[in-house]
Amino acid sequence: MTEMNFLELLKAEKENTEKYLKFYLDSLHIPGVLHDAMEYSLSAGGKRLRPFLAVVVCEMLGKPRELIMPYACALEFVHTFSLIHDDLPALDNDDLRRGKPSCHKAFREDIAILAGDALNTDAFSLLFEFGEGNLKRAGKYFSKAVGGRGMTLGQIYDCTIPENERTAEKLDFINYYKTSELFIAATAGAAAWLDADEKEVNALEEFATELGIAFQISDDILDITSTTEKLGKPVGSDAELNKMTYPALMGLDGARNAVVKRTEKAKAALMSAFKESEWMEILLQFADYVRDMAK
């Protein structure tokens, strides 16, 4: 790797990840419309950020890349499942995802629900059937990120929090579960899968905690400041649905300041456990990218 920055490397790695995603999905031999709906959403694009983070961690630790790919693709299965369900009428009610009709619009609502269910469960098929990492050690990060102690819990709180309990502290709590947990699985969980030492795993967990919350705040800012064409999904939906967001609580300037503080904490955590390297620099650049999303 020579003088390659975060965005260039992310773009370069995307094609490789998508080859593995297709290989693993086809290897599961899922028939008919269920396969079609799963493939439609898996192949809809996106940055492939979570698999990328796992690959970068693998390179930082000096491990063979083949070890991480089942785990990395399982992360993308789970992330795609969450997007399918997020877009449903009962949740965010979004008709577009990455510039294409959402799964429930391209197929039907019932098929979209079941495709999401299958992607969630078959993520674990990748770990069990194709993985050769430390499943027990990494499994606590992966499974916690997805279920009733992770993304699903965050969505429940997001849907049910009363108006009179809307505070920045409660929002950090929600964003941790909605977003940070899967970032933790992609970094600390990947390190655990690869038998990293506890200091490295813990530092990556702190890095991902701060960066996940910052990422969600930046995403909420973009829902106000960006366009449907740039984002590939409708903008303004947070306000329309009366969602609790940082911009709604403290304005754009307050939200942007929160992103800066979180990203600086994330970088400090990473530098506390890892020696300077080209691959660590990529993670530091990712933190800067999240910060700059909010500008």
C-alpha atoms as a PDB file:
ATOM      1  CA  MET A   1       0.000   0.000   0.000  1.00  0.00           C
ATOM      2  CA  THR A   2       1.618   3.260  -1.134  1.00  0.00           C
ATOM      3  CA  GLU A   3       0.283   6.697  -0.265  1.00  0.00           C
ATOM      4  CA  MET A   4      -3.309   5.502  -0.457  1.00  0.00           C
ATOM      5  CA  ASN A   5      -5.900   7.397   1.529  1.00  0.00           C
ATOM      6  CA  PHE A   6      -9.012   6.109   3.235  1.00  0.00           C
ATOM      7  CA  LEU A   7     -11.498   6.881   0.463  1.00  0.00           C
ATOM      8  CA  GLU A   8      -9.257   5.480  -2.292  1.00  0.00           C
ATOM      9  CA  LEU A   9      -8.669   2.277  -0.365  1.00  0.00           C
ATOM     10  CA  LEU A  10     -12.343   1.947   0.556  1.00  0.00           C
ATOM     11  CA  LYS A  11     -13.254   2.192  -3.134  1.00  0.00           C
ATOM     12  CA  ALA A  12     -10.510  -0.253  -4.139  1.00  0.00           C
ATOM     13  CA  GLU A  13     -11.588  -2.841  -1.568  1.00  0.00           C
ATOM     14  CA  LYS A  14     -15.286  -2.636  -2.428  1.00  0.00           C
ATOM     15  CA  GLU A  15     -15.024  -4.801  -5.561  1.00  0.00           C
ATOM     16  CA  ASN A  16     -13.187  -7.548  -3.685  1.00  0.00           C
ATOM     17  CA  THR A  17     -15.790  -7.566  -0.906  1.00  0.00           C
ATOM     18  CA  GLU A  18     -18.632  -7.785  -3.431  1.00  0.00           C
ATOM     19  CA  LYS A  19     -17.037 -10.830  -5.084  1.00  0.00           C
ATOM     20  CA  TYR A  20     -16.955 -12.575  -1.724  1.00  0.00           C
ATOM     21  CA  LEU A  21     -20.541 -11.538  -0.926  1.00  0.00           C
ATOM     22  CA  LYS A  22     -21.767 -13.090  -4.164  1.00  0.00           C
ATOM     23  CA  PHE A  23     -19.708 -16.230  -3.591  1.00  0.00           C
ATOM     24  CA  TYR A  24     -21.026 -16.776  -0.068  1.00  0.00           C
ATOM     25  CA  LEU A  25     -24.651 -16.034  -0.972  1.00  0.00           C
ATOM     26  CA  ASP A  26     -24.540 -18.392  -3.956  1.00  0.00           C
ATOM     27  CA  SER A  27     -22.846 -21.057  -1.826  1.00  0.00           C
ATOM     28  CA  LEU A  28     -25.841 -21.098   0.518  1.00  0.00           C
ATOM     29  CA  HIS A  29     -28.075 -22.356  -2.357  1.00  0.00           C
ATOM     30  CA  ILE A  30     -31.146 -20.372  -1.313  1.00  0.00           C
ATOM     31  CA  PRO A  31     -33.901 -20.855  -3.927  1.00  0.00           C
ATOM     32  CA  GLY A  32     -36.302 -18.583  -5.783  1.00  0.00           C
ATOM     33  CA  VAL A  33     -37.596 -15.193  -4.841  1.00  0.00           C
ATOM     34  CA  LEU A  34     -35.964 -15.292  -1.403  1.00  0.00           C
ATOM     35  CA  HIS A  35     -32.527 -15.501  -3.009  1.00  0.00           C
ATOM     36  CA  ASP A  36     -33.514 -12.766  -5.481  1.00  0.00           C
ATOM     37  CA  ALA A  37     -34.606 -10.367  -2.750  1.00  0.00           C
ATOM     38  CA  MET A  38     -31.508 -11.056  -0.655  1.00  0.00           C
ATOM     39  CA  GLU A  39     -29.254 -10.569  -3.677  1.00  0.00           C
ATOM     40  CA  TYR A  40     -31.117  -7.396  -4.708  1.00  0.00           C
ATOM     41  CA  SER A  41     -30.399  -5.730  -1.382  1.00  0.00           C
ATOM     42  CA  LEU A  42     -26.882  -7.125  -0.970  1.00  0.00           C
ATOM     43  CA  SER A  43     -25.905  -5.901  -4.439  1.00  0.00           C
ATOM     44  CA  ALA A  44     -27.566  -2.484  -4.146  1.00  0.00           C
ATOM     45  CA  GLY A  45     -24.227  -0.788  -3.553  1.00  0.00           C
ATOM     46  CA  GLY A  46     -23.076   1.158  -0.560  1.00  0.00           C
ATOM     47  CA  LYS A  47     -19.532   1.735   0.663  1.00  0.00           C
ATOM     48  CA  ARG A  48     -19.092  -1.740   2.258  1.00  0.00           C
ATOM     49  CA  LEU A  49     -17.707   0.152   5.239  1.00  0.00           C
ATOM     50  CA  ARG A  50     -18.118  -2.494   7.925  1.00  0.00           C
ATOM     51  CA  PRO A  51     -16.383  -5.262   5.962  1.00  0.00           C
ATOM     52  CA  PHE A  52     -13.687  -2.749   5.087  1.00  0.00           C
ATOM     53  CA  LEU A  53     -13.054  -1.960   8.752  1.00  0.00           C
ATOM     54  CA  ALA A  54     -12.648  -5.669   9.480  1.00  0.00           C
ATOM     55  CA  VAL A  55     -10.149  -5.998   6.604  1.00  0.00           C
ATOM     56  CA  VAL A  56      -8.144  -3.002   7.856  1.00  0.00           C
ATOM     57  CA  VAL A  57      -8.005  -4.506  11.354  1.00  0.00           C
ATOM     58  CA  CYS A  58      -6.807  -7.774   9.824  1.00  0.00           C
ATOM     59  CA  GLU A  59      -4.026  -5.955   7.993  1.00  0.00           C
ATOM     60  CA  MET A  60      -3.087  -3.979  11.113  1.00  0.00           C
ATOM     61  CA  LEU A  61      -2.655  -7.248  12.984  1.00  0.00           C
ATOM     62  CA  GLY A  62      -0.612  -8.803  10.177  1.00  0.00           C
ATOM     63  CA  LYS A  63      -3.006 -11.733   9.661  1.00  0.00           C
ATOM     64  CA  PRO A  64      -3.847 -13.471   6.353  1.00  0.00           C
ATOM     65  CA  ARG A  65      -6.772 -11.701   4.729  1.00  0.00           C
ATOM     66  CA  GLU A  66      -8.558 -14.979   3.912  1.00  0.00           C
ATOM     67  CA  LEU A  67      -9.206 -15.430   7.625  1.00  0.00           C
ATOM     68  CA  ILE A  68     -11.332 -12.307   7.893  1.00  0.00           C
ATOM     69  CA  MET A  69     -13.498 -12.495   4.756  1.00  0.00           C
ATOM     70  CA  PRO A  70     -16.280 -14.770   6.108  1.00  0.00           C
ATOM     71  CA  TYR A  71     -16.521 -12.534   9.170  1.00  0.00           C
ATOM     72  CA  ALA A  72     -16.390  -9.347   7.085  1.00  0.00           C
ATOM     73  CA  CYS A  73     -19.132 -10.545   4.734  1.00  0.00           C
ATOM     74  CA  ALA A  74     -21.266 -11.694   7.662  1.00  0.00           C
ATOM     75  CA  LEU A  75     -21.135  -8.098   8.892  1.00  0.00           C
ATOM     76  CA  GLU A  76     -22.476  -6.897   5.547  1.00  0.00           C
ATOM     77  CA  PHE A  77     -25.248  -9.516   5.611  1.00  0.00           C
ATOM     78  CA  VAL A  78     -26.349  -8.162   8.988  1.00  0.00           C
ATOM     79  CA  HIS A  79     -26.023  -4.523   7.949  1.00  0.00           C
ATOM     80  CA  THR A  80     -28.117  -5.185   4.830  1.00  0.00           C
ATOM     81  CA  PHE A  81     -30.788  -6.935   6.884  1.00  0.00           C
ATOM     82  CA  SER A  82     -30.998  -3.874   9.139  1.00  0.00           C
ATOM     83  CA  LEU A  83     -31.418  -1.537   6.144  1.00  0.00           C
ATOM     84  CA  ILE A  84     -34.201  -3.655   4.646  1.00  0.00           C
ATOM     85  CA  HIS A  85     -36.116  -3.538   7.921  1.00  0.00           C
ATOM     86  CA  ASP A  86     -35.334   0.144   8.570  1.00  0.00           C
ATOM     87  CA  ASP A  87     -36.940   1.076   5.247  1.00  0.00           C
ATOM     88  CA  LEU A  88     -40.209  -0.708   5.981  1.00  0.00           C
ATOM     89  CA  PRO A  89     -43.398   1.356   6.380  1.00  0.00           C
ATOM     90  CA  ALA A  90     -43.611   0.447  10.067  1.00  0.00           C
ATOM     91  CA  LEU A  91     -40.189   1.995  10.751  1.00  0.00           C
ATOM     92  CA  ASP A  92     -38.628   4.720   8.554  1.00  0.00           C
ATOM     93  CA  ASN A  93     -40.999   4.229   5.596  1.00  0.00           C
ATOM     94  CA  ASP A  94     -38.332   5.003   2.981  1.00  0.00           C
ATOM     95  CA  ASP A  95     -39.017   4.127  -0.662  1.00  0.00           C
ATOM     96  CA  LEU A  96     -35.398   4.592  -1.776  1.00  0.00           C
ATOM     97  CA  ARG A  97     -32.189   2.976  -0.645  1.00  0.00           C
ATOM     98  CA  ARG A  98     -28.872   3.810  -2.338  1.00  0.00           C
ATOM     99  CA  GLY A  99     -30.741   5.390  -5.230  1.00  0.00           C
ATOM    100  CA  LYS A 100     -32.851   2.288  -5.934  1.00  0.00           C
ATOM    101  CA  PRO A 101     -36.322   1.242  -4.791  1.00  0.00           C
ATOM    102  CA  SER A 102     -36.184  -0.214  -1.287  1.00  0.00           C
ATOM    103  CA  CYS A 103     -36.549  -3.988  -1.026  1.00  0.00           C
ATOM    104  CA  HIS A 104     -40.219  -3.783  -0.031  1.00  0.00           C
ATOM    105  CA  LYS A 105     -40.877  -1.616  -3.098  1.00  0.00           C
ATOM    106  CA  ALA A 106     -38.918  -3.791  -5.521  1.00  0.00           C
ATOM    107  CA  PHE A 107     -40.554  -6.969  -4.202  1.00  0.00           C
ATOM    108  CA  ARG A 108     -43.284  -6.865  -1.548  1.00  0.00           C
ATOM    109  CA  GLU A 109     -43.350  -5.974   2.103  1.00  0.00           C
ATOM    110  CA  ASP A 110     -43.725  -9.582   3.238  1.00  0.00           C
ATOM    111  CA  ILE A 111     -40.858 -10.749   1.019  1.00  0.00           C
ATOM    112  CA  ALA A 112     -38.647  -7.900   2.248  1.00  0.00           C
ATOM    113  CA  ILE A 113     -39.266  -8.846   5.880  1.00  0.00           C
ATOM    114  CA  LEU A 114     -38.363 -12.456   5.189  1.00  0.00           C
ATOM    115  CA  ALA A 115     -35.304 -11.525   3.114  1.00  0.00           C
ATOM    116  CA  GLY A 116     -34.065  -9.468   6.050  1.00  0.00           C
ATOM    117  CA  ASP A 117     -34.724 -12.368   8.416  1.00  0.00           C
ATOM    118  CA  ALA A 118     -32.742 -14.715   6.160  1.00  0.00           C
ATOM    119  CA  LEU A 119     -29.775 -12.349   5.823  1.00  0.00           C
ATOM    120  CA  ASN A 120     -29.640 -11.946   9.605  1.00  0.00           C
ATOM    121  CA  THR A 121     -29.627 -15.682  10.258  1.00  0.00           C
ATOM    122  CA  ASP A 122     -27.412 -16.629   7.331  1.00  0.00           C
ATOM    123  CA  ALA A 123     -24.757 -14.210   8.527  1.00  0.00           C
ATOM    124  CA  PHE A 124     -24.124 -16.833  11.196  1.00  0.00           C
ATOM    125  CA  SER A 125     -24.048 -19.503   8.487  1.00  0.00           C
ATOM    126  CA  LEU A 126     -21.010 -17.725   7.041  1.00  0.00           C
ATOM    127  CA  LEU A 127     -19.262 -17.831  10.408  1.00  0.00           C
ATOM    128  CA  PHE A 128     -20.064 -21.476  11.091  1.00  0.00           C
ATOM    129  CA  GLU A 129     -19.674 -22.902   7.578  1.00  0.00           C
ATOM    130  CA  PHE A 130     -16.834 -20.829   6.128  1.00  0.00           C
ATOM    131  CA  GLY A 131     -15.076 -19.190   9.072  1.00  0.00           C
ATOM    132  CA  GLU A 132     -11.825 -20.312  10.669  1.00  0.00           C
ATOM    133  CA  GLY A 133     -11.451 -17.621  13.314  1.00  0.00           C
ATOM    134  CA  ASN A 134     -12.047 -17.618  17.062  1.00  0.00           C
ATOM    135  CA  LEU A 135     -15.823 -17.941  16.896  1.00  0.00           C
ATOM    136  CA  LYS A 136     -16.422 -18.107  20.630  1.00  0.00           C
ATOM    137  CA  ARG A 137     -14.366 -15.007  21.392  1.00  0.00           C
ATOM    138  CA  ALA A 138     -15.696 -12.957  18.488  1.00  0.00           C
ATOM    139  CA  GLY A 139     -19.243 -14.286  18.724  1.00  0.00           C
ATOM    140  CA  LYS A 140     -20.081 -12.183  21.758  1.00  0.00           C
ATOM    141  CA  TYR A 141     -19.322  -9.029  19.770  1.00  0.00           C
ATOM    142  CA  PHE A 142     -21.106 -10.148  16.616  1.00  0.00           C
ATOM    143  CA  SER A 143     -24.284 -11.472  18.222  1.00  0.00           C
ATOM    144  CA  LYS A 144     -24.523  -8.609  20.735  1.00  0.00           C
ATOM    145  CA  ALA A 145     -24.328  -6.082  17.904  1.00  0.00           C
ATOM    146  CA  VAL A 146     -27.384  -7.515  16.178  1.00  0.00           C
ATOM    147  CA  GLY A 147     -29.949  -8.598  18.742  1.00  0.00           C
ATOM    148  CA  GLY A 148     -31.702  -7.422  21.858  1.00  0.00           C
ATOM    149  CA  ARG A 149     -28.513  -5.911  23.256  1.00  0.00           C
ATOM    150  CA  GLY A 150     -27.532  -4.092  20.057  1.00  0.00           C
ATOM    151  CA  MET A 151     -29.170  -2.705  16.900  1.00  0.00           C
ATOM    152  CA  THR A 152     -32.610  -4.070  17.678  1.00  0.00           C
ATOM    153  CA  LEU A 153     -32.579  -2.552  21.163  1.00  0.00           C
ATOM    154  CA  GLY A 154     -31.462   0.782  19.751  1.00  0.00           C
ATOM    155  CA  GLN A 155     -34.338   0.769  17.284  1.00  0.00           C
ATOM    156  CA  ILE A 156     -36.835  -0.037  20.038  1.00  0.00           C
ATOM    157  CA  TYR A 157     -35.665   2.925  22.117  1.00  0.00           C
ATOM    158  CA  ASP A 158     -35.680   5.122  19.012  1.00  0.00           C
ATOM    159  CA  CYS A 159     -39.294   4.179  18.300  1.00  0.00           C
ATOM    160  CA  THR A 160     -40.646   4.445  21.830  1.00  0.00           C
ATOM    161  CA  ILE A 161     -38.812   7.197  23.730  1.00  0.00           C
ATOM    162  CA  PRO A 162     -41.316   9.775  25.074  1.00  0.00           C
ATOM    163  CA  GLU A 163     -41.006  13.438  24.096  1.00  0.00           C
ATOM    164  CA  ASN A 164     -40.269  14.472  27.686  1.00  0.00           C
ATOM    165  CA  GLU A 165     -37.230  12.157  27.882  1.00  0.00           C
ATOM    166  CA  ARG A 166     -35.440  13.447  24.796  1.00  0.00           C
ATOM    167  CA  THR A 167     -31.954  14.441  25.948  1.00  0.00           C
ATOM    168  CA  ALA A 168     -28.453  14.214  24.480  1.00  0.00           C
ATOM    169  CA  GLU A 169     -27.599  11.514  27.019  1.00  0.00           C
ATOM    170  CA  LYS A 170     -30.545   9.375  25.932  1.00  0.00           C
ATOM    171  CA  LEU A 171     -29.658   9.959  22.290  1.00  0.00           C
ATOM    172  CA  ASP A 172     -26.057   8.840  22.878  1.00  0.00           C
ATOM    173  CA  PHE A 173     -27.484   5.710  24.471  1.00  0.00           C
ATOM    174  CA  ILE A 174     -29.666   5.035  21.414  1.00  0.00           C
ATOM    175  CA  ASN A 175     -26.899   5.783  18.922  1.00  0.00           C
ATOM    176  CA  TYR A 176     -24.521   3.482  20.759  1.00  0.00           C
ATOM    177  CA  TYR A 177     -26.873   0.563  20.248  1.00  0.00           C
ATOM    178  CA  LYS A 178     -28.063   1.543  16.759  1.00  0.00           C
ATOM    179  CA  THR A 179     -24.653   2.262  15.244  1.00  0.00           C
ATOM    180  CA  SER A 180     -21.657   1.820  17.537  1.00  0.00           C
ATOM    181  CA  GLU A 181     -22.376  -1.827  18.305  1.00  0.00           C
ATOM    182  CA  LEU A 182     -21.920  -2.929  14.683  1.00  0.00           C
ATOM    183  CA  PHE A 183     -18.792  -0.771  14.378  1.00  0.00           C
ATOM    184  CA  ILE A 184     -17.506  -2.526  17.490  1.00  0.00           C
ATOM    185  CA  ALA A 185     -18.234  -5.897  15.896  1.00  0.00           C
ATOM    186  CA  ALA A 186     -16.384  -4.769  12.747  1.00  0.00           C
ATOM    187  CA  THR A 187     -13.261  -3.723  14.675  1.00  0.00           C
ATOM    188  CA  ALA A 188     -12.982  -5.198  18.165  1.00  0.00           C
ATOM    189  CA  GLY A 189     -14.972  -8.267  17.088  1.00  0.00           C
ATOM    190  CA  ALA A 190     -12.739  -8.738  14.053  1.00  0.00           C
ATOM    191  CA  ALA A 191      -9.665  -8.454  16.282  1.00  0.00           C
ATOM    192  CA  ALA A 192     -11.122 -11.041  18.665  1.00  0.00           C
ATOM    193  CA  TRP A 193     -11.846 -13.321  15.680  1.00  0.00           C
ATOM    194  CA  LEU A 194      -8.146 -13.024  14.789  1.00  0.00           C
ATOM    195  CA  ASP A 195      -6.890 -13.662  18.357  1.00  0.00           C
ATOM    196  CA  ALA A 196      -5.593 -10.141  19.020  1.00  0.00           C
ATOM    197  CA  ASP A 197      -4.522  -9.331  22.573  1.00  0.00           C
ATOM    198  CA  GLU A 198      -6.923  -7.752  25.047  1.00  0.00           C
ATOM    199  CA  LYS A 199      -5.305  -4.302  24.933  1.00  0.00           C
ATOM    200  CA  GLU A 200      -5.809  -4.144  21.171  1.00  0.00           C
ATOM    201  CA  VAL A 201      -9.386  -5.445  21.339  1.00  0.00           C
ATOM    202  CA  ASN A 202     -10.322  -2.984  24.112  1.00  0.00           C
ATOM    203  CA  ALA A 203      -8.791  -0.016  22.285  1.00  0.00           C
ATOM    204  CA  LEU A 204     -10.705  -0.887  19.121  1.00  0.00           C
ATOM    205  CA  GLU A 205     -13.907  -1.174  21.154  1.00  0.00           C
ATOM    206  CA  GLU A 206     -13.427   2.343  22.530  1.00  0.00           C
ATOM    207  CA  PHE A 207     -12.492   3.637  19.071  1.00  0.00           C
ATOM    208  CA  ALA A 208     -15.644   2.163  17.536  1.00  0.00           C
ATOM    209  CA  THR A 209     -17.897   3.314  20.374  1.00  0.00           C
ATOM    210  CA  GLU A 210     -16.946   6.962  19.902  1.00  0.00           C
ATOM    211  CA  LEU A 211     -16.839   6.780  16.123  1.00  0.00           C
ATOM    212  CA  GLY A 212     -20.190   5.015  15.844  1.00  0.00           C
ATOM    213  CA  ILE A 213     -21.951   7.743  17.793  1.00  0.00           C
ATOM    214  CA  ALA A 214     -20.149  10.420  15.766  1.00  0.00           C
ATOM    215  CA  PHE A 215     -21.135   8.641  12.538  1.00  0.00           C
ATOM    216  CA  GLN A 216     -24.805   8.623  13.493  1.00  0.00           C
ATOM    217  CA  ILE A 217     -24.720  12.319  14.421  1.00  0.00           C
ATOM    218  CA  SER A 218     -23.108  13.123  11.058  1.00  0.00           C
ATOM    219  CA  ASP A 219     -25.748  11.027   9.305  1.00  0.00           C
ATOM    220  CA  ASP A 220     -28.474  13.013  11.078  1.00  0.00           C
ATOM    221  CA  ILE A 221     -26.819  16.252   9.960  1.00  0.00           C
ATOM    222  CA  LEU A 222     -26.740  15.040   6.350  1.00  0.00           C
ATOM    223  CA  ASP A 223     -30.476  14.341   6.555  1.00  0.00           C
ATOM    224  CA  ILE A 224     -30.836  18.121   6.874  1.00  0.00           C
ATOM    225  CA  THR A 225     -27.991  19.496   4.780  1.00  0.00           C
ATOM    226  CA  SER A 226     -27.644  17.051   1.873  1.00  0.00           C
ATOM    227  CA  THR A 227     -29.892  16.074  -1.047  1.00  0.00           C
ATOM    228  CA  THR A 228     -31.693  12.912  -2.090  1.00  0.00           C
ATOM    229  CA  GLU A 229     -29.427  12.707  -5.154  1.00  0.00           C
ATOM    230  CA  LYS A 230     -26.244  12.768  -3.072  1.00  0.00           C
ATOM    231  CA  LEU A 231     -27.439  10.412  -0.330  1.00  0.00           C
ATOM    232  CA  GLY A 232     -29.381   7.986  -2.498  1.00  0.00           C
ATOM    233  CA  LYS A 233     -32.269   8.073  -0.020  1.00  0.00           C
ATOM    234  CA  PRO A 234     -34.906  10.655   0.919  1.00  0.00           C
ATOM    235  CA  VAL A 235     -33.707  13.573   3.052  1.00  0.00           C
ATOM    236  CA  GLY A 236     -35.767  15.313   5.714  1.00  0.00           C
ATOM    237  CA  SER A 237     -37.354  12.074   6.908  1.00  0.00           C
ATOM    238  CA  ASP A 238     -36.050  12.486  10.477  1.00  0.00           C
ATOM    239  CA  ALA A 239     -37.977  15.729  10.951  1.00  0.00           C
ATOM    240  CA  GLU A 240     -41.034  14.323   9.168  1.00  0.00           C
ATOM    241  CA  LEU A 241     -41.071  11.338  11.540  1.00  0.00           C
ATOM    242  CA  ASN A 242     -40.304  13.545  14.573  1.00  0.00           C
ATOM    243  CA  LYS A 243     -37.128  11.557  15.283  1.00  0.00           C
ATOM    244  CA  MET A 244     -34.846  12.567  18.124  1.00  0.00           C
ATOM    245  CA  THR A 245     -31.549  13.754  16.605  1.00  0.00           C
ATOM    246  CA  TYR A 246     -28.611  15.890  17.686  1.00  0.00           C
ATOM    247  CA  PRO A 247     -29.521  18.724  15.269  1.00  0.00           C
ATOM    248  CA  ALA A 248     -33.062  18.738  16.677  1.00  0.00           C
ATOM    249  CA  LEU A 249     -31.773  18.853  20.255  1.00  0.00           C
ATOM    250  CA  MET A 250     -28.896  21.323  19.963  1.00  0.00           C
ATOM    251  CA  GLY A 251     -28.834  22.743  16.447  1.00  0.00           C
ATOM    252  CA  LEU A 252     -26.352  22.114  13.648  1.00  0.00           C
ATOM    253  CA  ASP A 253     -23.418  23.834  15.364  1.00  0.00           C
ATOM    254  CA  GLY A 254     -23.895  21.872  18.564  1.00  0.00           C
ATOM    255  CA  ALA A 255     -24.183  18.634  16.626  1.00  0.00           C
ATOM    256  CA  ARG A 256     -21.022  19.388  14.644  1.00  0.00           C
ATOM    257  CA  ASN A 257     -19.087  20.162  17.833  1.00  0.00           C
ATOM    258  CA  ALA A 258     -20.216  16.821  19.284  1.00  0.00           C
ATOM    259  CA  VAL A 259     -18.880  15.019  16.198  1.00  0.00           C
ATOM    260  CA  VAL A 260     -15.473  16.695  16.549  1.00  0.00           C
ATOM    261  CA  LYS A 261     -15.178  15.715  20.223  1.00  0.00           C
ATOM    262  CA  ARG A 262     -16.186  12.101  19.556  1.00  0.00           C
ATOM    263  CA  THR A 263     -13.797  11.648  16.642  1.00  0.00           C
ATOM    264  CA  GLU A 264     -10.869  13.024  18.643  1.00  0.00           C
ATOM    265  CA  LYS A 265     -11.615  10.581  21.467  1.00  0.00           C
ATOM    266  CA  ALA A 266     -11.773   7.743  18.941  1.00  0.00           C
ATOM    267  CA  LYS A 267      -8.354   8.594  17.520  1.00  0.00           C
ATOM    268  CA  ALA A 268      -6.793   8.858  20.969  1.00  0.00           C
ATOM    269  CA  ALA A 269      -8.107   5.407  21.903  1.00  0.00           C
ATOM    270  CA  LEU A 270      -6.601   3.858  18.781  1.00  0.00           C
ATOM    271  CA  MET A 271      -3.213   5.483  19.268  1.00  0.00           C
ATOM    272  CA  SER A 272      -3.058   4.245  22.862  1.00  0.00           C
ATOM    273  CA  ALA A 273      -2.702   0.603  21.797  1.00  0.00           C
ATOM    274  CA  PHE A 274      -1.256   0.449  18.280  1.00  0.00           C
ATOM    275  CA  LYS A 275       2.071   1.493  16.859  1.00  0.00           C
ATOM    276  CA  GLU A 276       2.029   3.893  13.949  1.00  0.00           C
ATOM    277  CA  SER A 277       1.499   2.103  10.644  1.00  0.00           C
ATOM    278  CA  GLU A 278      -0.048   2.683   7.232  1.00  0.00           C
ATOM    279  CA  TRP A 279      -3.086   0.618   8.215  1.00  0.00           C
ATOM    280  CA  MET A 280      -3.610   2.437  11.505  1.00  0.00           C
ATOM    281  CA  GLU A 281      -3.398   5.676   9.533  1.00  0.00           C
ATOM    282  CA  ILE A 282      -6.343   4.466   7.440  1.00  0.00           C
ATOM    283  CA  LEU A 283      -8.480   4.153  10.590  1.00  0.00           C
ATOM    284  CA  LEU A 284      -7.396   7.619  11.716  1.00  0.00           C
ATOM    285  CA  GLN A 285      -8.380   8.948   8.300  1.00  0.00           C
ATOM    286  CA  PHE A 286     -11.750   7.262   8.693  1.00  0.00           C
ATOM    287  CA  ALA A 287     -12.276   9.228  11.907  1.00  0.00           C
ATOM    288  CA  ASP A 288     -11.451  12.422  10.007  1.00  0.00           C
ATOM    289  CA  TYR A 289     -13.883  11.382   7.259  1.00  0.00           C
ATOM    290  CA  VAL A 290     -16.697  11.001   9.822  1.00  0.00           C
ATOM    291  CA  ARG A 291     -15.823  14.413  11.235  1.00  0.00           C
ATOM    292  CA  ASP A 292     -15.853  15.989   7.777  1.00  0.00           C
ATOM    293  CA  MET A 293     -19.233  14.405   6.908  1.00  0.00           C
ATOM    294  CA  ALA A 294     -20.765  16.852   9.357  1.00  0.00           C
ATOM    295  CA  LYS A 295     -19.321  20.012   7.793  1.00  0.00           C
END
